[in-house]
Amino acid sequence: MATVGAYEARTHLAALLERVAKGERITITKHGVPVAQLVPAQPASDREKRLGAIAELRRLREKHPLNGVTIRELIDDGRRF
């Protein structure tokens, strides 16, 4: 694991991010004391993605009400044709 000072991290952030994107872990120090780590991001799990999509649909539903019409009524109405 590489170690860089805070000043160097600030001035070379773009290069450090490229290294991290390739899988490297970098520790940032301030006056020789570790204060942070740059690590590759982990992809969200499928469950987290699904829960996020459900939450987004609920927010959308709050913004755009169906004026008293239920989802069931819309489904049944669509089956008539």
C-alpha atoms as a PDB file:
ATOM      1  CA  MET A   1       0.000   0.000   0.000  1.00  0.00           C
ATOM      2  CA  ALA A   2       1.415   3.364  -1.045  1.00  0.00           C
ATOM      3  CA  THR A   3       1.567   6.326   1.320  1.00  0.00           C
ATOM      4  CA  VAL A   4       1.425   9.990   0.274  1.00  0.00           C
ATOM      5  CA  GLY A   5       1.300  13.224   2.210  1.00  0.00           C
ATOM      6  CA  ALA A   6      -1.779  15.436   2.211  1.00  0.00           C
ATOM      7  CA  TYR A   7      -0.093  18.147   0.134  1.00  0.00           C
ATOM      8  CA  GLU A   8       1.044  15.653  -2.499  1.00  0.00           C
ATOM      9  CA  ALA A   9      -2.416  14.056  -2.537  1.00  0.00           C
ATOM     10  CA  ARG A  10      -4.016  17.433  -3.128  1.00  0.00           C
ATOM     11  CA  THR A  11      -1.659  18.397  -5.931  1.00  0.00           C
ATOM     12  CA  HIS A  12      -1.684  14.984  -7.662  1.00  0.00           C
ATOM     13  CA  LEU A  13      -5.254  13.858  -6.991  1.00  0.00           C
ATOM     14  CA  ALA A  14      -6.036  12.977 -10.624  1.00  0.00           C
ATOM     15  CA  ALA A  15      -3.002  10.672 -10.878  1.00  0.00           C
ATOM     16  CA  LEU A  16      -3.797   9.075  -7.527  1.00  0.00           C
ATOM     17  CA  LEU A  17      -7.377   8.407  -8.609  1.00  0.00           C
ATOM     18  CA  GLU A  18      -6.132   6.678 -11.744  1.00  0.00           C
ATOM     19  CA  ARG A  19      -3.924   4.417  -9.614  1.00  0.00           C
ATOM     20  CA  VAL A  20      -6.827   3.635  -7.288  1.00  0.00           C
ATOM     21  CA  ALA A  21      -9.089   2.855 -10.256  1.00  0.00           C
ATOM     22  CA  LYS A  22      -6.560   0.177 -11.238  1.00  0.00           C
ATOM     23  CA  GLY A  23      -6.942  -1.444  -7.815  1.00  0.00           C
ATOM     24  CA  GLU A  24      -4.202   0.174  -5.739  1.00  0.00           C
ATOM     25  CA  ARG A  25      -4.861   1.342  -2.158  1.00  0.00           C
ATOM     26  CA  ILE A  26      -3.265   4.612  -1.064  1.00  0.00           C
ATOM     27  CA  THR A  27      -2.934   5.962   2.485  1.00  0.00           C
ATOM     28  CA  ILE A  28      -2.923   9.743   2.910  1.00  0.00           C
ATOM     29  CA  THR A  29      -0.953  11.104   5.830  1.00  0.00           C
ATOM     30  CA  LYS A  30      -0.821  14.452   7.573  1.00  0.00           C
ATOM     31  CA  HIS A  31       2.488  15.142   9.316  1.00  0.00           C
ATOM     32  CA  GLY A  32       3.282  11.422   9.007  1.00  0.00           C
ATOM     33  CA  VAL A  33       0.039  10.283  10.660  1.00  0.00           C
ATOM     34  CA  PRO A  34      -2.405   8.278   8.505  1.00  0.00           C
ATOM     35  CA  VAL A  35      -5.687  10.205   8.170  1.00  0.00           C
ATOM     36  CA  ALA A  36      -7.428   8.673   5.154  1.00  0.00           C
ATOM     37  CA  GLN A  37      -7.312   5.886   2.595  1.00  0.00           C
ATOM     38  CA  LEU A  38      -8.144   5.948  -1.085  1.00  0.00           C
ATOM     39  CA  VAL A  39      -9.562   2.549  -2.032  1.00  0.00           C
ATOM     40  CA  PRO A  40     -11.335   1.299  -5.148  1.00  0.00           C
ATOM     41  CA  ALA A  41     -15.113   1.737  -5.022  1.00  0.00           C
ATOM     42  CA  GLN A  42     -17.195  -1.409  -4.628  1.00  0.00           C
ATOM     43  CA  PRO A  43     -20.088  -1.885  -7.052  1.00  0.00           C
ATOM     44  CA  ALA A  44     -23.520  -1.787  -5.453  1.00  0.00           C
ATOM     45  CA  SER A  45     -25.064  -5.189  -4.881  1.00  0.00           C
ATOM     46  CA  ASP A  46     -28.134  -6.233  -6.851  1.00  0.00           C
ATOM     47  CA  ARG A  47     -30.238  -5.973  -3.705  1.00  0.00           C
ATOM     48  CA  GLU A  48     -29.100  -2.390  -3.107  1.00  0.00           C
ATOM     49  CA  LYS A  49     -29.925  -1.528  -6.706  1.00  0.00           C
ATOM     50  CA  ARG A  50     -33.412  -3.001  -6.387  1.00  0.00           C
ATOM     51  CA  LEU A  51     -34.084  -1.186  -3.110  1.00  0.00           C
ATOM     52  CA  GLY A  52     -32.891   2.053  -4.675  1.00  0.00           C
ATOM     53  CA  ALA A  53     -35.196   1.576  -7.662  1.00  0.00           C
ATOM     54  CA  ILE A  54     -38.160   0.904  -5.384  1.00  0.00           C
ATOM     55  CA  ALA A  55     -37.422   4.026  -3.351  1.00  0.00           C
ATOM     56  CA  GLU A  56     -37.149   6.075  -6.535  1.00  0.00           C
ATOM     57  CA  LEU A  57     -40.511   4.766  -7.781  1.00  0.00           C
ATOM     58  CA  ARG A  58     -42.125   5.678  -4.465  1.00  0.00           C
ATOM     59  CA  ARG A  59     -40.721   9.233  -4.702  1.00  0.00           C
ATOM     60  CA  LEU A  60     -42.021   9.493  -8.275  1.00  0.00           C
ATOM     61  CA  ARG A  61     -45.456   8.271  -7.174  1.00  0.00           C
ATOM     62  CA  GLU A  62     -45.608  10.969  -4.473  1.00  0.00           C
ATOM     63  CA  LYS A  63     -44.818  13.679  -7.028  1.00  0.00           C
ATOM     64  CA  HIS A  64     -47.309  12.379  -9.599  1.00  0.00           C
ATOM     65  CA  PRO A  65     -50.452  11.044  -7.902  1.00  0.00           C
ATOM     66  CA  LEU A  66     -52.981   9.077  -9.926  1.00  0.00           C
ATOM     67  CA  ASN A  67     -55.914  11.258  -8.762  1.00  0.00           C
ATOM     68  CA  GLY A  68     -57.590   8.492  -6.754  1.00  0.00           C
ATOM     69  CA  VAL A  69     -57.204   5.810  -9.413  1.00  0.00           C
ATOM     70  CA  THR A  70     -55.547   2.657  -8.133  1.00  0.00           C
ATOM     71  CA  ILE A  71     -52.943   0.661  -9.975  1.00  0.00           C
ATOM     72  CA  ARG A  72     -55.366  -2.285  -9.961  1.00  0.00           C
ATOM     73  CA  GLU A  73     -58.008  -0.165 -11.756  1.00  0.00           C
ATOM     74  CA  LEU A  74     -55.478   0.850 -14.388  1.00  0.00           C
ATOM     75  CA  ILE A  75     -54.476  -2.781 -14.929  1.00  0.00           C
ATOM     76  CA  ASP A  76     -58.083  -3.947 -15.178  1.00  0.00           C
ATOM     77  CA  ASP A  77     -58.961  -1.083 -17.528  1.00  0.00           C
ATOM     78  CA  GLY A  78     -56.080  -2.032 -19.808  1.00  0.00           C
ATOM     79  CA  ARG A  79     -57.328  -5.636 -19.995  1.00  0.00           C
ATOM     80  CA  ARG A  80     -60.702  -4.594 -21.388  1.00  0.00           C
ATOM     81  CA  PHE A  81     -59.299  -3.852 -24.816  1.00  0.00           C
END
